[in-house]
C-alpha cells in the first residue's frame, strides 16, 4: 500500500475559518471547496479521484494527515479536533459502504 503523508501545521488553527484555510491549502482542495465539514468529508472521501486534491492518492493508497502539535491543538480547539477525528472515521466508513478501501489516517505528533 502506498502512503501519502501531508503535514498539517495545527498551530495555525485557532477557529473554524483557520481550520478550513489550513486544510484547503495543505491538501489543495478544489476552488469550489465549501469550507465546512460536509465539504471536507466529500473531498477526502474521494481523495483517490483526480481533481479532488492537488495530488490524488494512488488507488488503494492511504492519505495520512500528520498533525503536528496535536495535543496543543486538541486543547486550544476542542470542537475542531473532535470534528477532525470523527469526520476521518466517517470518511473511511463511507468508503467501506461503497465497496472501497479506507483512504484516510491520522498521525498524531
N, C-alpha and C. Protein backbone atom coordinates (compact mmCIF):
# COMPACT_ATOMS: atom_id res chain seq x y z
N UNK A 1 0.84 -1.17 0.00
CA UNK A 1 0.00 0.00 0.00
C UNK A 1 0.89 1.25 0.00
N UNK A 2 0.60 2.14 -0.90
CA UNK A 2 1.36 3.38 -0.99
C UNK A 2 0.73 4.43 -0.08
N UNK A 3 1.55 5.08 0.74
CA UNK A 3 1.07 6.08 1.68
C UNK A 3 1.57 7.45 1.28
N UNK A 4 0.66 8.39 1.24
CA UNK A 4 0.99 9.80 1.03
C UNK A 4 0.82 10.50 2.36
N UNK A 5 1.85 11.21 2.81
CA UNK A 5 1.80 11.91 4.09
C UNK A 5 1.74 13.41 3.83
N UNK A 6 0.77 14.06 4.44
CA UNK A 6 0.64 15.51 4.37
C UNK A 6 0.77 16.06 5.78
N UNK A 7 1.72 16.94 5.98
CA UNK A 7 1.93 17.56 7.28
C UNK A 7 0.92 18.70 7.44
N UNK A 8 0.21 18.67 8.56
CA UNK A 8 -0.78 19.70 8.88
C UNK A 8 -0.27 20.49 10.09
N UNK A 9 0.11 21.75 9.88
CA UNK A 9 0.61 22.57 10.99
C UNK A 9 -0.55 23.08 11.84
N UNK A 10 -0.90 22.34 12.87
CA UNK A 10 -2.09 22.69 13.65
C UNK A 10 -1.92 23.97 14.46
N UNK A 11 -0.69 24.46 14.62
CA UNK A 11 -0.50 25.71 15.36
C UNK A 11 -1.15 26.89 14.64
N UNK A 12 -1.43 26.74 13.35
CA UNK A 12 -2.08 27.80 12.58
C UNK A 12 -3.60 27.77 12.72
N UNK A 13 -4.12 26.76 13.41
CA UNK A 13 -5.57 26.62 13.56
C UNK A 13 -6.00 27.19 14.91
N UNK A 14 -6.90 28.19 14.85
CA UNK A 14 -7.42 28.80 16.08
C UNK A 14 -8.95 28.86 16.09
N UNK A 15 -9.58 28.58 14.95
CA UNK A 15 -11.03 28.63 14.84
C UNK A 15 -11.44 27.86 13.58
N UNK A 16 -12.74 27.89 13.25
CA UNK A 16 -13.21 27.14 12.08
C UNK A 16 -12.65 27.71 10.78
N UNK A 17 -12.56 29.03 10.69
CA UNK A 17 -12.04 29.63 9.47
C UNK A 17 -10.61 29.21 9.20
N UNK A 18 -9.77 29.26 10.23
CA UNK A 18 -8.37 28.86 10.03
C UNK A 18 -8.24 27.34 9.84
N UNK A 19 -9.12 26.57 10.46
CA UNK A 19 -9.13 25.12 10.23
C UNK A 19 -9.29 24.85 8.73
N UNK A 20 -10.31 25.44 8.14
CA UNK A 20 -10.57 25.19 6.72
C UNK A 20 -9.48 25.79 5.83
N UNK A 21 -8.93 26.92 6.21
CA UNK A 21 -7.84 27.52 5.43
C UNK A 21 -6.61 26.61 5.41
N UNK A 22 -6.25 26.07 6.56
CA UNK A 22 -5.08 25.19 6.65
C UNK A 22 -5.28 23.94 5.79
N UNK A 23 -6.42 23.27 5.94
CA UNK A 23 -6.65 22.05 5.16
C UNK A 23 -6.80 22.35 3.67
N UNK A 24 -7.46 23.45 3.35
CA UNK A 24 -7.62 23.83 1.95
C UNK A 24 -6.25 24.05 1.30
N UNK A 25 -5.38 24.72 2.01
CA UNK A 25 -4.03 24.99 1.49
C UNK A 25 -3.17 23.73 1.44
N UNK A 26 -3.12 22.98 2.54
CA UNK A 26 -2.23 21.81 2.60
C UNK A 26 -2.65 20.71 1.63
N UNK A 27 -3.96 20.52 1.42
CA UNK A 27 -4.44 19.44 0.57
C UNK A 27 -4.80 19.92 -0.83
N UNK A 28 -4.74 21.23 -1.03
CA UNK A 28 -5.06 21.83 -2.33
C UNK A 28 -6.45 21.38 -2.81
N UNK A 29 -7.44 21.64 -1.93
CA UNK A 29 -8.82 21.33 -2.29
C UNK A 29 -9.22 22.14 -3.53
N UNK A 30 -10.22 21.69 -4.26
CA UNK A 30 -10.65 22.43 -5.46
C UNK A 30 -11.22 23.81 -5.10
N UNK A 31 -11.28 24.68 -6.06
CA UNK A 31 -11.72 26.07 -5.83
C UNK A 31 -13.14 26.15 -5.30
N UNK A 32 -13.94 25.13 -5.54
CA UNK A 32 -15.33 25.14 -5.09
C UNK A 32 -15.51 24.54 -3.69
N UNK A 33 -14.41 24.28 -2.98
CA UNK A 33 -14.48 23.74 -1.62
C UNK A 33 -15.37 24.62 -0.76
N UNK A 34 -16.35 24.03 -0.09
CA UNK A 34 -17.36 24.76 0.66
C UNK A 34 -16.97 25.25 2.04
N UNK A 35 -15.77 24.92 2.50
CA UNK A 35 -15.25 25.38 3.79
C UNK A 35 -16.19 25.04 4.95
N UNK A 36 -16.67 23.79 4.96
CA UNK A 36 -17.44 23.25 6.07
C UNK A 36 -17.10 21.76 6.15
N UNK A 37 -17.55 21.09 7.20
CA UNK A 37 -17.14 19.70 7.39
C UNK A 37 -17.79 18.75 6.38
N UNK A 38 -18.96 19.08 5.87
CA UNK A 38 -19.55 18.26 4.81
C UNK A 38 -18.67 18.30 3.57
N UNK A 39 -18.18 19.48 3.22
CA UNK A 39 -17.30 19.61 2.06
C UNK A 39 -15.95 18.92 2.32
N UNK A 40 -15.45 19.02 3.53
CA UNK A 40 -14.19 18.35 3.92
C UNK A 40 -14.33 16.85 3.72
N UNK A 41 -15.47 16.30 4.22
CA UNK A 41 -15.73 14.87 4.08
C UNK A 41 -15.82 14.49 2.60
N UNK A 42 -16.53 15.28 1.82
CA UNK A 42 -16.67 14.98 0.39
C UNK A 42 -15.31 14.95 -0.31
N UNK A 43 -14.49 15.95 -0.07
CA UNK A 43 -13.18 15.99 -0.72
C UNK A 43 -12.32 14.79 -0.33
N UNK A 44 -12.32 14.43 0.94
CA UNK A 44 -11.45 13.36 1.39
C UNK A 44 -12.02 11.97 1.11
N UNK A 45 -13.33 11.84 0.99
CA UNK A 45 -13.89 10.56 0.59
C UNK A 45 -13.37 10.16 -0.79
N UNK A 46 -13.15 11.14 -1.63
CA UNK A 46 -12.70 10.89 -3.00
C UNK A 46 -11.26 11.35 -3.20
N UNK A 47 -10.43 11.17 -2.17
CA UNK A 47 -9.03 11.59 -2.23
C UNK A 47 -8.24 10.87 -3.32
N UNK A 48 -8.76 9.73 -3.79
CA UNK A 48 -8.06 9.00 -4.85
C UNK A 48 -8.66 9.26 -6.23
N UNK A 49 -9.49 10.29 -6.33
CA UNK A 49 -10.02 10.72 -7.63
C UNK A 49 -9.28 11.97 -8.07
N UNK A 50 -8.87 12.01 -9.32
CA UNK A 50 -8.18 13.18 -9.86
C UNK A 50 -9.07 14.41 -9.72
N UNK A 51 -8.50 15.51 -9.29
CA UNK A 51 -9.21 16.77 -9.19
C UNK A 51 -9.75 17.10 -7.82
N UNK A 52 -9.78 16.14 -6.91
CA UNK A 52 -10.33 16.43 -5.58
C UNK A 52 -9.26 17.01 -4.65
N UNK A 53 -8.04 16.58 -4.81
CA UNK A 53 -6.90 17.12 -4.06
C UNK A 53 -5.86 17.58 -5.07
N UNK A 54 -4.93 18.40 -4.63
CA UNK A 54 -3.87 18.84 -5.52
C UNK A 54 -3.12 17.66 -6.13
N UNK A 55 -2.90 16.64 -5.34
CA UNK A 55 -2.28 15.41 -5.80
C UNK A 55 -3.10 14.25 -5.26
N UNK A 56 -3.79 13.57 -6.16
CA UNK A 56 -4.64 12.46 -5.74
C UNK A 56 -3.80 11.34 -5.14
N UNK A 57 -4.39 10.66 -4.17
CA UNK A 57 -3.78 9.48 -3.58
C UNK A 57 -3.90 8.34 -4.59
N UNK A 58 -2.88 7.49 -4.66
CA UNK A 58 -2.94 6.35 -5.58
C UNK A 58 -4.10 5.43 -5.21
N UNK A 59 -4.75 4.83 -6.21
CA UNK A 59 -5.83 3.87 -5.94
C UNK A 59 -5.29 2.79 -5.01
N UNK A 60 -6.04 2.50 -3.96
CA UNK A 60 -5.60 1.53 -2.96
C UNK A 60 -4.62 2.10 -1.96
N UNK A 61 -4.27 3.38 -2.12
CA UNK A 61 -3.31 4.02 -1.23
C UNK A 61 -3.97 4.63 -0.01
N UNK A 62 -3.16 5.24 0.82
CA UNK A 62 -3.62 5.82 2.07
C UNK A 62 -3.08 7.23 2.18
N UNK A 63 -3.95 8.16 2.53
CA UNK A 63 -3.55 9.54 2.81
C UNK A 63 -3.43 9.67 4.33
N UNK A 64 -2.25 9.98 4.81
CA UNK A 64 -2.03 10.17 6.24
C UNK A 64 -1.85 11.65 6.51
N UNK A 65 -2.70 12.17 7.38
CA UNK A 65 -2.60 13.56 7.82
C UNK A 65 -1.77 13.58 9.09
N UNK A 66 -0.56 14.12 8.99
CA UNK A 66 0.34 14.19 10.14
C UNK A 66 0.08 15.50 10.89
N UNK A 67 -0.59 15.40 12.01
CA UNK A 67 -0.99 16.57 12.79
C UNK A 67 0.13 16.98 13.72
N UNK A 68 0.89 17.99 13.31
CA UNK A 68 1.97 18.48 14.15
C UNK A 68 1.39 19.29 15.30
N UNK A 69 1.80 18.98 16.51
CA UNK A 69 1.32 19.70 17.69
C UNK A 69 -0.12 19.37 18.04
N UNK A 70 -0.49 18.11 17.86
CA UNK A 70 -1.89 17.72 18.05
C UNK A 70 -2.39 17.97 19.48
N UNK A 71 -1.55 17.78 20.50
CA UNK A 71 -2.01 17.94 21.88
C UNK A 71 -2.41 19.40 22.15
N UNK A 72 -1.61 20.33 21.70
CA UNK A 72 -1.95 21.75 21.88
C UNK A 72 -3.18 22.12 21.06
N UNK A 73 -3.30 21.55 19.86
CA UNK A 73 -4.47 21.77 19.02
C UNK A 73 -5.73 21.27 19.72
N UNK A 74 -5.66 20.08 20.28
CA UNK A 74 -6.80 19.50 20.99
C UNK A 74 -7.24 20.38 22.15
N UNK A 75 -6.29 20.94 22.86
CA UNK A 75 -6.57 21.81 24.00
C UNK A 75 -7.14 23.15 23.54
N UNK A 76 -6.54 23.72 22.50
CA UNK A 76 -6.91 25.05 22.01
C UNK A 76 -8.25 25.06 21.26
N UNK A 77 -8.49 24.01 20.48
CA UNK A 77 -9.66 23.95 19.59
C UNK A 77 -10.36 22.60 19.73
N UNK A 78 -10.97 22.33 20.88
CA UNK A 78 -11.56 21.00 21.08
C UNK A 78 -12.65 20.64 20.08
N UNK A 79 -13.45 21.60 19.67
CA UNK A 79 -14.52 21.30 18.70
C UNK A 79 -13.95 20.91 17.34
N UNK A 80 -12.94 21.62 16.90
CA UNK A 80 -12.32 21.32 15.61
C UNK A 80 -11.56 19.99 15.66
N UNK A 81 -10.89 19.74 16.78
CA UNK A 81 -10.16 18.48 16.94
C UNK A 81 -11.13 17.30 16.92
N UNK A 82 -12.21 17.40 17.69
CA UNK A 82 -13.19 16.32 17.74
C UNK A 82 -13.83 16.09 16.37
N UNK A 83 -14.15 17.17 15.68
CA UNK A 83 -14.74 17.04 14.35
C UNK A 83 -13.77 16.37 13.39
N UNK A 84 -12.50 16.72 13.48
CA UNK A 84 -11.48 16.11 12.61
C UNK A 84 -11.41 14.60 12.83
N UNK A 85 -11.37 14.18 14.08
CA UNK A 85 -11.30 12.75 14.39
C UNK A 85 -12.56 12.03 13.93
N UNK A 86 -13.72 12.58 14.27
CA UNK A 86 -14.98 11.94 13.89
C UNK A 86 -15.16 11.90 12.37
N UNK A 87 -14.83 12.97 11.70
CA UNK A 87 -15.02 13.02 10.24
C UNK A 87 -14.02 12.13 9.51
N UNK A 88 -12.84 11.94 10.07
CA UNK A 88 -11.89 10.99 9.48
C UNK A 88 -12.50 9.59 9.50
N UNK A 89 -13.06 9.21 10.64
CA UNK A 89 -13.74 7.92 10.73
C UNK A 89 -14.91 7.82 9.77
N UNK A 90 -15.66 8.91 9.64
CA UNK A 90 -16.81 8.91 8.74
C UNK A 90 -16.37 8.74 7.28
N UNK A 91 -15.29 9.39 6.89
CA UNK A 91 -14.76 9.24 5.52
C UNK A 91 -14.50 7.77 5.24
N UNK A 92 -13.81 7.10 6.15
CA UNK A 92 -13.47 5.69 5.93
C UNK A 92 -14.71 4.79 5.95
N UNK A 93 -15.64 5.06 6.85
CA UNK A 93 -16.89 4.27 6.89
C UNK A 93 -17.67 4.45 5.59
N UNK A 94 -17.73 5.66 5.11
CA UNK A 94 -18.44 5.95 3.86
C UNK A 94 -17.81 5.17 2.70
N UNK A 95 -16.50 5.13 2.66
CA UNK A 95 -15.81 4.39 1.59
C UNK A 95 -16.10 2.90 1.68
N UNK A 96 -16.08 2.36 2.88
CA UNK A 96 -16.37 0.94 3.05
C UNK A 96 -17.78 0.63 2.58
N UNK A 97 -18.72 1.52 2.88
CA UNK A 97 -20.12 1.33 2.44
C UNK A 97 -20.25 1.25 0.92
N UNK A 98 -19.38 1.94 0.18
CA UNK A 98 -19.45 1.91 -1.28
C UNK A 98 -18.48 0.89 -1.89
N UNK A 99 -17.93 0.03 -1.03
CA UNK A 99 -17.07 -1.04 -1.52
C UNK A 99 -15.63 -0.66 -1.78
N UNK A 100 -15.19 0.47 -1.22
CA UNK A 100 -13.80 0.92 -1.38
C UNK A 100 -13.03 0.70 -0.08
N UNK A 101 -11.73 0.74 -0.19
CA UNK A 101 -10.87 0.63 0.99
C UNK A 101 -10.79 1.97 1.71
N UNK A 102 -10.55 1.97 3.02
CA UNK A 102 -10.32 3.23 3.73
C UNK A 102 -9.18 3.99 3.07
N UNK A 103 -9.25 5.31 3.12
CA UNK A 103 -8.26 6.13 2.42
C UNK A 103 -7.56 7.13 3.33
N UNK A 104 -8.01 7.27 4.57
CA UNK A 104 -7.54 8.36 5.41
C UNK A 104 -7.07 7.86 6.77
N UNK A 105 -5.93 8.41 7.22
CA UNK A 105 -5.39 8.09 8.54
C UNK A 105 -4.87 9.36 9.19
N UNK A 106 -4.85 9.36 10.50
CA UNK A 106 -4.27 10.48 11.26
C UNK A 106 -3.02 10.00 11.96
N UNK A 107 -1.98 10.81 11.90
CA UNK A 107 -0.73 10.56 12.63
C UNK A 107 -0.57 11.72 13.60
N UNK A 108 -0.63 11.44 14.88
CA UNK A 108 -0.59 12.48 15.90
C UNK A 108 0.84 12.66 16.40
N UNK A 109 1.41 13.83 16.12
CA UNK A 109 2.81 14.08 16.52
C UNK A 109 2.88 15.32 17.38
